PDB file of all heavy atoms in Angstrom:
ATOM      1  N   LEU A   1       0.776  -1.120  -0.017  1.00  0.00           N
ATOM      2  CA  LEU A   1       0.025   0.054  -0.007  1.00  0.00           C
ATOM      3  C   LEU A   1       0.886   1.267   0.001  1.00  0.00           C
ATOM      4  O   LEU A   1       0.476   2.237  -0.595  1.00  0.00           O
ATOM      5  CB  LEU A   1      -0.977  -0.010   1.271  1.00  0.00           C
ATOM      6  CG  LEU A   1      -2.313  -0.826   1.163  1.00  0.00           C
ATOM      7  CD1 LEU A   1      -2.951  -0.518   2.561  1.00  0.00           C
ATOM      8  CD2 LEU A   1      -3.025  -0.383  -0.026  1.00  0.00           C
ATOM      9  N   ALA A   2       2.016   1.206   0.668  1.00  0.00           N
ATOM     10  CA  ALA A   2       2.934   2.258   0.765  1.00  0.00           C
ATOM     11  C   ALA A   2       3.744   2.544  -0.589  1.00  0.00           C
ATOM     12  O   ALA A   2       4.460   3.511  -0.764  1.00  0.00           O
ATOM     13  CB  ALA A   2       3.821   2.177   1.920  1.00  0.00           C
ATOM     14  N   GLY A   3       3.538   1.553  -1.592  1.00  0.00           N
ATOM     15  CA  GLY A   3       4.177   1.738  -2.876  1.00  0.00           C
ATOM     16  C   GLY A   3       5.428   0.890  -3.215  1.00  0.00           C
ATOM     17  O   GLY A   3       6.088   1.093  -4.059  1.00  0.00           O
ATOM     18  N   ILE A   4       5.584  -0.026  -2.267  1.00  0.00           N
ATOM     19  CA  ILE A   4       6.781  -0.900  -2.426  1.00  0.00           C
ATOM     20  C   ILE A   4       6.552  -2.248  -3.129  1.00  0.00           C
ATOM     21  O   ILE A   4       5.481  -2.828  -2.932  1.00  0.00           O
ATOM     22  CB  ILE A   4       7.288  -1.247  -0.909  1.00  0.00           C
ATOM     23  CG1 ILE A   4       7.997  -0.107  -0.156  1.00  0.00           C
ATOM     24  CG2 ILE A   4       8.426  -2.456  -1.085  1.00  0.00           C
ATOM     25  CD1 ILE A   4       8.389  -0.477   1.142  1.00  0.00           C
ATOM     26  N   ASP A   5       7.292  -2.538  -4.171  1.00  0.00           N
ATOM     27  CA  ASP A   5       7.130  -3.835  -4.789  1.00  0.00           C
ATOM     28  C   ASP A   5       7.651  -5.011  -3.904  1.00  0.00           C
ATOM     29  O   ASP A   5       8.842  -5.111  -3.666  1.00  0.00           O
ATOM     30  CB  ASP A   5       7.978  -3.739  -6.106  1.00  0.00           C
ATOM     31  CG  ASP A   5       7.908  -5.035  -6.975  1.00  0.00           C
ATOM     32  OD1 ASP A   5       7.585  -6.053  -6.467  1.00  0.00           O
ATOM     33  OD2 ASP A   5       8.035  -4.866  -8.278  1.00  0.00           O
ATOM     34  N   ILE A   6       6.600  -5.577  -3.373  1.00  0.00           N
ATOM     35  CA  ILE A   6       7.118  -6.567  -2.271  1.00  0.00           C
ATOM     36  C   ILE A   6       7.675  -7.874  -2.778  1.00  0.00           C
ATOM     37  O   ILE A   6       8.527  -8.470  -2.145  1.00  0.00           O
ATOM     38  CB  ILE A   6       5.821  -6.966  -1.377  1.00  0.00           C
ATOM     39  CG1 ILE A   6       4.781  -7.626  -2.251  1.00  0.00           C
ATOM     40  CG2 ILE A   6       5.371  -5.812  -0.652  1.00  0.00           C
ATOM     41  CD1 ILE A   6       3.697  -8.193  -1.451  1.00  0.00           C
ATOM     42  N   ASP A   7       7.641  -8.130  -4.110  1.00  0.00           N
ATOM     43  CA  ASP A   7       8.384  -9.171  -4.646  1.00  0.00           C
ATOM     44  C   ASP A   7       9.794  -8.840  -4.871  1.00  0.00           C
ATOM     45  O   ASP A   7      10.655  -9.576  -4.535  1.00  0.00           O
ATOM     46  CB  ASP A   7       7.696  -9.745  -5.922  1.00  0.00           C
ATOM     47  CG  ASP A   7       6.350 -10.426  -5.695  1.00  0.00           C
ATOM     48  OD1 ASP A   7       6.407 -11.271  -4.727  1.00  0.00           O
ATOM     49  OD2 ASP A   7       5.357 -10.078  -6.317  1.00  0.00           O
ATOM     50  N   GLU A   8      10.025  -7.712  -5.401  1.00  0.00           N
ATOM     51  CA  GLU A   8      11.411  -7.184  -5.572  1.00  0.00           C
ATOM     52  C   GLU A   8      12.132  -7.045  -4.382  1.00  0.00           C
ATOM     53  O   GLU A   8      13.274  -7.286  -4.088  1.00  0.00           O
ATOM     54  CB  GLU A   8      11.321  -5.880  -6.430  1.00  0.00           C
ATOM     55  CG  GLU A   8      12.613  -5.238  -6.755  1.00  0.00           C
ATOM     56  CD  GLU A   8      13.289  -4.374  -5.623  1.00  0.00           C
ATOM     57  OE1 GLU A   8      12.370  -3.812  -4.862  1.00  0.00           O
ATOM     58  OE2 GLU A   8      14.400  -4.161  -5.408  1.00  0.00           O
ATOM     59  N   ALA A   9      11.432  -6.529  -3.299  1.00  0.00           N
ATOM     60  CA  ALA A   9      11.983  -6.248  -1.994  1.00  0.00           C
ATOM     61  C   ALA A   9      12.123  -7.558  -1.174  1.00  0.00           C
ATOM     62  O   ALA A   9      12.893  -7.509  -0.126  1.00  0.00           O
ATOM     63  CB  ALA A   9      11.163  -5.242  -1.222  1.00  0.00           C
ATOM     64  N   GLY A  10      11.381  -8.562  -1.496  1.00  0.00           N
ATOM     65  CA  GLY A  10      11.465  -9.867  -0.769  1.00  0.00           C
ATOM     66  C   GLY A  10      10.672  -9.754   0.482  1.00  0.00           C
ATOM     67  O   GLY A  10      10.840 -10.346   1.600  1.00  0.00           O
ATOM     68  N   TYR A  11       9.521  -9.000   0.425  1.00  0.00           N
ATOM     69  CA  TYR A  11       8.661  -8.678   1.546  1.00  0.00           C
ATOM     70  C   TYR A  11       7.284  -9.538   1.462  1.00  0.00           C
ATOM     71  O   TYR A  11       6.484  -9.389   2.406  1.00  0.00           O
ATOM     72  CB  TYR A  11       8.253  -7.154   1.532  1.00  0.00           C
ATOM     73  CG  TYR A  11       9.367  -6.254   1.978  1.00  0.00           C
ATOM     74  CD1 TYR A  11      10.520  -6.703   2.377  1.00  0.00           C
ATOM     75  CD2 TYR A  11       9.049  -4.965   2.179  1.00  0.00           C
ATOM     76  CE1 TYR A  11      11.602  -5.877   2.695  1.00  0.00           C
ATOM     77  CE2 TYR A  11      10.036  -3.951   2.425  1.00  0.00           C
ATOM     78  CZ  TYR A  11      11.212  -4.338   2.778  1.00  0.00           C
ATOM     79  OH  TYR A  11      12.284  -3.569   3.314  1.00  0.00           O
ATOM     80  N   ARG A  12       7.084 -10.334   0.442  1.00  0.00           N
ATOM     81  CA  ARG A  12       5.925 -11.061   0.327  1.00  0.00           C
ATOM     82  C   ARG A  12       5.743 -12.062   1.532  1.00  0.00           C
ATOM     83  O   ARG A  12       6.734 -12.807   1.688  1.00  0.00           O
ATOM     84  CB  ARG A  12       5.755 -11.783  -1.070  1.00  0.00           C
ATOM     85  CG  ARG A  12       4.377 -12.514  -1.207  1.00  0.00           C
ATOM     86  CD  ARG A  12       4.170 -12.981  -2.533  1.00  0.00           C
ATOM     87  NE  ARG A  12       4.026 -11.919  -3.585  1.00  0.00           N
ATOM     88  CZ  ARG A  12       2.893 -11.157  -3.713  1.00  0.00           C
ATOM     89  NH1 ARG A  12       1.812 -11.435  -3.087  1.00  0.00           N
ATOM     90  NH2 ARG A  12       2.878 -10.164  -4.638  1.00  0.00           N
ATOM     91  N   ILE A  13       4.669 -12.033   2.164  1.00  0.00           N
ATOM     92  CA  ILE A  13       4.410 -12.891   3.416  1.00  0.00           C
ATOM     93  C   ILE A  13       4.002 -14.306   2.859  1.00  0.00           C
ATOM     94  O   ILE A  13       3.078 -14.444   2.084  1.00  0.00           O
ATOM     95  CB  ILE A  13       3.403 -12.331   4.335  1.00  0.00           C
ATOM     96  CG1 ILE A  13       3.964 -10.968   4.810  1.00  0.00           C
ATOM     97  CG2 ILE A  13       3.039 -13.249   5.362  1.00  0.00           C
ATOM     98  CD1 ILE A  13       5.267 -11.061   5.796  1.00  0.00           C
ATOM     99  N   ASN A  14       4.562 -15.341   3.391  1.00  0.00           N
ATOM    100  CA  ASN A  14       4.295 -16.578   3.131  1.00  0.00           C
ATOM    101  C   ASN A  14       3.630 -17.202   4.503  1.00  0.00           C
ATOM    102  O   ASN A  14       4.329 -17.169   5.518  1.00  0.00           O
ATOM    103  CB  ASN A  14       5.390 -17.457   2.685  1.00  0.00           C
ATOM    104  CG  ASN A  14       5.923 -17.014   1.440  1.00  0.00           C
ATOM    105  OD1 ASN A  14       5.286 -17.059   0.429  1.00  0.00           O
ATOM    106  ND2 ASN A  14       7.249 -16.523   1.389  1.00  0.00           N
ATOM    107  N   TYR A  15       2.429 -17.817   4.464  1.00  0.00           N
ATOM    108  CA  TYR A  15       1.796 -18.268   5.721  1.00  0.00           C
ATOM    109  C   TYR A  15       2.261 -19.572   6.073  1.00  0.00           C
ATOM    110  O   TYR A  15       2.504 -20.562   5.259  1.00  0.00           O
ATOM    111  CB  TYR A  15       0.328 -18.357   5.569  1.00  0.00           C
ATOM    112  CG  TYR A  15      -0.322 -17.054   5.251  1.00  0.00           C
ATOM    113  CD1 TYR A  15      -1.344 -17.140   4.160  1.00  0.00           C
ATOM    114  CD2 TYR A  15      -0.150 -15.853   5.760  1.00  0.00           C
ATOM    115  CE1 TYR A  15      -2.071 -16.019   3.813  1.00  0.00           C
ATOM    116  CE2 TYR A  15      -0.764 -14.751   5.427  1.00  0.00           C
ATOM    117  CZ  TYR A  15      -1.794 -14.768   4.399  1.00  0.00           C
ATOM    118  OH  TYR A  15      -2.482 -13.624   4.113  1.00  0.00           O
ATOM    119  N   CYS A  16       2.792 -19.660   7.357  1.00  0.00           N
ATOM    120  CA  CYS A  16       3.335 -21.010   7.805  1.00  0.00           C
ATOM    121  C   CYS A  16       2.441 -21.409   9.096  1.00  0.00           C
ATOM    122  O   CYS A  16       2.460 -20.627  10.109  1.00  0.00           O
ATOM    123  CB  CYS A  16       4.775 -20.779   8.296  1.00  0.00           C
ATOM    124  SG  CYS A  16       5.498 -22.421   8.838  1.00  0.00           S
ATOM    125  N   LYS A  17       1.781 -22.484   8.834  1.00  0.00           N
ATOM    126  CA  LYS A  17       0.728 -22.810   9.878  1.00  0.00           C
ATOM    127  C   LYS A  17       1.457 -23.810  10.920  1.00  0.00           C
ATOM    128  O   LYS A  17       2.270 -24.708  10.570  1.00  0.00           O
ATOM    129  CB  LYS A  17      -0.341 -23.525   9.307  1.00  0.00           C
ATOM    130  CG  LYS A  17      -1.599 -23.984  10.205  1.00  0.00           C
ATOM    131  CD  LYS A  17      -2.722 -24.569   9.385  1.00  0.00           C
ATOM    132  CE  LYS A  17      -3.947 -24.800  10.328  1.00  0.00           C
ATOM    133  NZ  LYS A  17      -4.952 -25.370   9.496  1.00  0.00           N
ATOM    134  N   GLY A  18       1.239 -23.594  12.195  1.00  0.00           N
ATOM    135  CA  GLY A  18       1.716 -24.416  13.171  1.00  0.00           C
ATOM    136  C   GLY A  18       0.627 -25.054  14.086  1.00  0.00           C
ATOM    137  O   GLY A  18      -0.197 -24.208  14.598  1.00  0.00           O
ATOM    138  N   GLU A  19       0.511 -26.338  14.067  1.00  0.00           N
ATOM    139  CA  GLU A  19      -0.570 -26.966  14.786  1.00  0.00           C
ATOM    140  C   GLU A  19      -0.149 -27.699  15.996  1.00  0.00           C
ATOM    141  O   GLU A  19       1.089 -28.025  16.185  1.00  0.00           O
ATOM    142  CB  GLU A  19      -1.136 -28.046  13.842  1.00  0.00           C
ATOM    143  CG  GLU A  19      -1.743 -27.554  12.507  1.00  0.00           C
ATOM    144  CD  GLU A  19      -2.683 -28.523  11.719  1.00  0.00           C
ATOM    145  OE1 GLU A  19      -2.883 -29.611  12.254  1.00  0.00           O
ATOM    146  OE2 GLU A  19      -3.221 -28.075  10.812  1.00  0.00           O
ATOM    147  N   PHE A  20      -1.026 -27.568  17.052  1.00  0.00           N
ATOM    148  CA  PHE A  20      -0.766 -28.084  18.366  1.00  0.00           C
ATOM    149  C   PHE A  20      -1.802 -29.132  18.705  1.00  0.00           C
ATOM    150  O   PHE A  20      -2.881 -29.054  18.432  1.00  0.00           O
ATOM    151  CB  PHE A  20      -0.813 -26.978  19.468  1.00  0.00           C
ATOM    152  CG  PHE A  20       0.219 -25.964  19.189  1.00  0.00           C
ATOM    153  CD1 PHE A  20      -0.027 -24.816  18.437  1.00  0.00           C
ATOM    154  CD2 PHE A  20       1.502 -25.978  19.943  1.00  0.00           C
ATOM    155  CE1 PHE A  20       1.003 -23.876  18.186  1.00  0.00           C
ATOM    156  CE2 PHE A  20       2.385 -24.976  19.715  1.00  0.00           C
ATOM    157  CZ  PHE A  20       2.140 -23.921  18.920  1.00  0.00           C
ATOM    158  N   PHE A  21      -1.311 -30.102  19.347  1.00  0.00           N
ATOM    159  CA  PHE A  21      -2.209 -31.219  19.964  1.00  0.00           C
ATOM    160  C   PHE A  21      -2.124 -31.151  21.449  1.00  0.00           C
ATOM    161  O   PHE A  21      -1.009 -30.817  22.125  1.00  0.00           O
ATOM    162  CB  PHE A  21      -1.674 -32.508  19.550  1.00  0.00           C
ATOM    163  CG  PHE A  21      -2.458 -33.046  18.234  1.00  0.00           C
ATOM    164  CD1 PHE A  21      -2.256 -32.306  17.038  1.00  0.00           C
ATOM    165  CD2 PHE A  21      -3.141 -34.194  18.188  1.00  0.00           C
ATOM    166  CE1 PHE A  21      -2.830 -32.737  15.971  1.00  0.00           C
ATOM    167  CE2 PHE A  21      -3.772 -34.604  17.009  1.00  0.00           C
ATOM    168  CZ  PHE A  21      -3.564 -33.780  15.902  1.00  0.00           C
ATOM    169  N   SER A  22      -3.202 -31.343  22.234  1.00  0.00           N
ATOM    170  CA  SER A  22      -3.188 -31.352  23.578  1.00  0.00           C
ATOM    171  C   SER A  22      -2.687 -32.710  24.140  1.00  0.00           C
ATOM    172  O   SER A  22      -2.876 -33.825  23.481  1.00  0.00           O
ATOM    173  CB  SER A  22      -4.639 -31.136  24.210  1.00  0.00           C
ATOM    174  OG  SER A  22      -5.480 -32.195  23.827  1.00  0.00           O
ATOM    175  N   LEU A  23      -2.166 -32.659  25.257  1.00  0.00           N
ATOM    176  CA  LEU A  23      -1.602 -34.034  25.894  1.00  0.00           C
ATOM    177  C   LEU A  23      -2.719 -34.229  27.110  1.00  0.00           C
ATOM    178  O   LEU A  23      -3.090 -33.347  27.811  1.00  0.00           O
ATOM    179  CB  LEU A  23      -0.259 -33.733  26.496  1.00  0.00           C
ATOM    180  CG  LEU A  23       0.397 -34.956  27.266  1.00  0.00           C
ATOM    181  CD1 LEU A  23       0.646 -36.049  26.288  1.00  0.00           C
ATOM    182  CD2 LEU A  23       1.663 -34.562  27.857  1.00  0.00           C
ATOM    183  N   ALA A  24      -2.928 -35.552  27.339  1.00  0.00           N
ATOM    184  CA  ALA A  24      -3.924 -35.918  28.359  1.00  0.00           C
ATOM    185  C   ALA A  24      -3.465 -35.345  29.727  1.00  0.00           C
ATOM    186  O   ALA A  24      -2.377 -35.247  30.052  1.00  0.00           O
ATOM    187  CB  ALA A  24      -3.987 -37.397  28.421  1.00  0.00           C
ATOM    188  N   ALA A  25      -4.498 -34.780  30.472  1.00  0.00           N
ATOM    189  CA  ALA A  25      -4.244 -34.175  31.761  1.00  0.00           C
ATOM    190  C   ALA A  25      -3.514 -35.078  32.722  1.00  0.00           C
ATOM    191  O   ALA A  25      -2.566 -34.561  33.505  1.00  0.00           O
ATOM    192  CB  ALA A  25      -5.586 -33.732  32.321  1.00  0.00           C
TER     193      ALA A  25
END
């Protein structure tokens, strides 16, 4: 939005998902 080419700058965000499992109480 500020006018930066995010691919040229290396600013494109890649979503990395982290999943958690509960352990029995």
